[in-house]
Amino acid sequence: WCLERKIGLEEAEHYAREAGKRAYAGEFRAKVLNTLAEICFVRGNMSEAIRLIEMAIEQNPENDSYREQLERFQGNPGN
């Protein structure tokens, strides 16, 4: 919700990081990492966004959208 509206992103990042610590490995953790990566991207932290989406890819390598997300992050230094 916060990400879609681009409000409260600092708090959203905090909660997404907490969720990532608790998420089971695999597809669910990948989804959390993807959301966290997107929050970091919107907040301008490109290196963290790339690191997190790479972790999501490791958790769910079959999901091509994460690779597309990585390409978008690497090709777009701004939001």
C-alpha atoms as a PDB file:
ATOM      1  CA  TRP A   1       0.000   0.000   0.000  1.00  0.00           C
ATOM      2  CA  CYS A   2       2.728   2.437   1.030  1.00  0.00           C
ATOM      3  CA  LEU A   3       4.862   1.509  -1.957  1.00  0.00           C
ATOM      4  CA  GLU A   4       2.012   1.983  -4.420  1.00  0.00           C
ATOM      5  CA  ARG A   5       1.252   5.417  -2.977  1.00  0.00           C
ATOM      6  CA  LYS A   6       4.895   6.304  -2.264  1.00  0.00           C
ATOM      7  CA  ILE A   7       4.136   7.359   1.301  1.00  0.00           C
ATOM      8  CA  GLY A   8       5.588   6.177   4.597  1.00  0.00           C
ATOM      9  CA  LEU A   9       8.387   4.417   2.759  1.00  0.00           C
ATOM     10  CA  GLU A  10      10.861   4.597   5.632  1.00  0.00           C
ATOM     11  CA  GLU A  11       8.451   2.740   7.886  1.00  0.00           C
ATOM     12  CA  ALA A  12       7.479   0.365   5.062  1.00  0.00           C
ATOM     13  CA  GLU A  13      11.150  -0.475   4.562  1.00  0.00           C
ATOM     14  CA  HIS A  14      11.532  -1.218   8.259  1.00  0.00           C
ATOM     15  CA  TYR A  15       8.572  -3.621   8.262  1.00  0.00           C
ATOM     16  CA  ALA A  16       9.644  -5.268   5.001  1.00  0.00           C
ATOM     17  CA  ARG A  17      13.097  -5.904   6.473  1.00  0.00           C
ATOM     18  CA  GLU A  18      11.496  -7.479   9.531  1.00  0.00           C
ATOM     19  CA  ALA A  19       9.298  -9.656   7.327  1.00  0.00           C
ATOM     20  CA  GLY A  20      12.355 -10.703   5.336  1.00  0.00           C
ATOM     21  CA  LYS A  21      14.078 -11.900   8.490  1.00  0.00           C
ATOM     22  CA  ARG A  22      11.100 -14.114   9.330  1.00  0.00           C
ATOM     23  CA  ALA A  23      10.132 -15.369   5.880  1.00  0.00           C
ATOM     24  CA  TYR A  24      10.793 -18.968   4.957  1.00  0.00           C
ATOM     25  CA  ALA A  25      13.332 -19.507   2.219  1.00  0.00           C
ATOM     26  CA  GLY A  26      12.061 -19.835  -1.293  1.00  0.00           C
ATOM     27  CA  GLU A  27       9.225 -18.168  -3.146  1.00  0.00           C
ATOM     28  CA  PHE A  28       7.758 -16.272  -0.187  1.00  0.00           C
ATOM     29  CA  ARG A  29      11.119 -14.801   0.866  1.00  0.00           C
ATOM     30  CA  ALA A  30      11.730 -13.832  -2.749  1.00  0.00           C
ATOM     31  CA  LYS A  31       8.449 -11.878  -2.799  1.00  0.00           C
ATOM     32  CA  VAL A  32       9.385 -10.030   0.387  1.00  0.00           C
ATOM     33  CA  LEU A  33      12.863  -9.267  -0.959  1.00  0.00           C
ATOM     34  CA  ASN A  34      11.347  -8.019  -4.215  1.00  0.00           C
ATOM     35  CA  THR A  35       9.056  -5.650  -2.328  1.00  0.00           C
ATOM     36  CA  LEU A  36      11.939  -4.445  -0.189  1.00  0.00           C
ATOM     37  CA  ALA A  37      14.072  -3.940  -3.300  1.00  0.00           C
ATOM     38  CA  GLU A  38      11.327  -1.871  -4.888  1.00  0.00           C
ATOM     39  CA  ILE A  39      11.040   0.287  -1.759  1.00  0.00           C
ATOM     40  CA  CYS A  40      14.800   0.881  -1.768  1.00  0.00           C
ATOM     41  CA  PHE A  41      14.683   1.731  -5.467  1.00  0.00           C
ATOM     42  CA  VAL A  42      11.919   4.299  -4.974  1.00  0.00           C
ATOM     43  CA  ARG A  43      13.830   5.778  -2.040  1.00  0.00           C
ATOM     44  CA  GLY A  44      16.920   6.188  -4.252  1.00  0.00           C
ATOM     45  CA  ASN A  45      19.093   3.450  -2.750  1.00  0.00           C
ATOM     46  CA  MET A  46      20.030   1.750  -6.019  1.00  0.00           C
ATOM     47  CA  SER A  47      22.876  -0.416  -4.722  1.00  0.00           C
ATOM     48  CA  GLU A  48      20.655  -1.878  -1.994  1.00  0.00           C
ATOM     49  CA  ALA A  49      17.804  -2.415  -4.450  1.00  0.00           C
ATOM     50  CA  ILE A  50      20.133  -4.359  -6.749  1.00  0.00           C
ATOM     51  CA  ARG A  51      21.547  -6.410  -3.876  1.00  0.00           C
ATOM     52  CA  LEU A  52      18.073  -7.322  -2.653  1.00  0.00           C
ATOM     53  CA  ILE A  53      16.665  -8.241  -6.060  1.00  0.00           C
ATOM     54  CA  GLU A  54      19.701 -10.450  -6.631  1.00  0.00           C
ATOM     55  CA  MET A  55      18.841 -12.187  -3.355  1.00  0.00           C
ATOM     56  CA  ALA A  56      15.255 -12.613  -4.572  1.00  0.00           C
ATOM     57  CA  ILE A  57      16.569 -14.246  -7.746  1.00  0.00           C
ATOM     58  CA  GLU A  58      18.601 -16.667  -5.625  1.00  0.00           C
ATOM     59  CA  GLN A  59      15.474 -17.552  -3.639  1.00  0.00           C
ATOM     60  CA  ASN A  60      13.294 -18.081  -6.730  1.00  0.00           C
ATOM     61  CA  PRO A  61      15.417 -18.354  -9.881  1.00  0.00           C
ATOM     62  CA  GLU A  62      12.438 -19.503 -11.986  1.00  0.00           C
ATOM     63  CA  ASN A  63      10.690 -16.132 -11.678  1.00  0.00           C
ATOM     64  CA  ASP A  64      11.699 -14.135 -14.741  1.00  0.00           C
ATOM     65  CA  SER A  65      10.097 -10.939 -13.416  1.00  0.00           C
ATOM     66  CA  TYR A  66      12.877 -10.644 -10.828  1.00  0.00           C
ATOM     67  CA  ARG A  67      15.488 -10.673 -13.603  1.00  0.00           C
ATOM     68  CA  GLU A  68      13.496  -8.009 -15.436  1.00  0.00           C
ATOM     69  CA  GLN A  69      13.387  -6.011 -12.213  1.00  0.00           C
ATOM     70  CA  LEU A  70      17.184  -6.307 -11.911  1.00  0.00           C
ATOM     71  CA  GLU A  71      17.624  -5.034 -15.467  1.00  0.00           C
ATOM     72  CA  ARG A  72      15.319  -2.113 -14.719  1.00  0.00           C
ATOM     73  CA  PHE A  73      17.231  -1.227 -11.559  1.00  0.00           C
ATOM     74  CA  GLN A  74      20.588  -1.442 -13.314  1.00  0.00           C
ATOM     75  CA  GLY A  75      19.431   0.630 -16.265  1.00  0.00           C
ATOM     76  CA  ASN A  76      17.657   3.360 -14.339  1.00  0.00           C
ATOM     77  CA  PRO A  77      19.686   5.400 -11.853  1.00  0.00           C
ATOM     78  CA  GLY A  78      16.616   7.450 -10.980  1.00  0.00           C
ATOM     79  CA  ASN A  79      13.016   6.643 -10.285  1.00  0.00           C
END
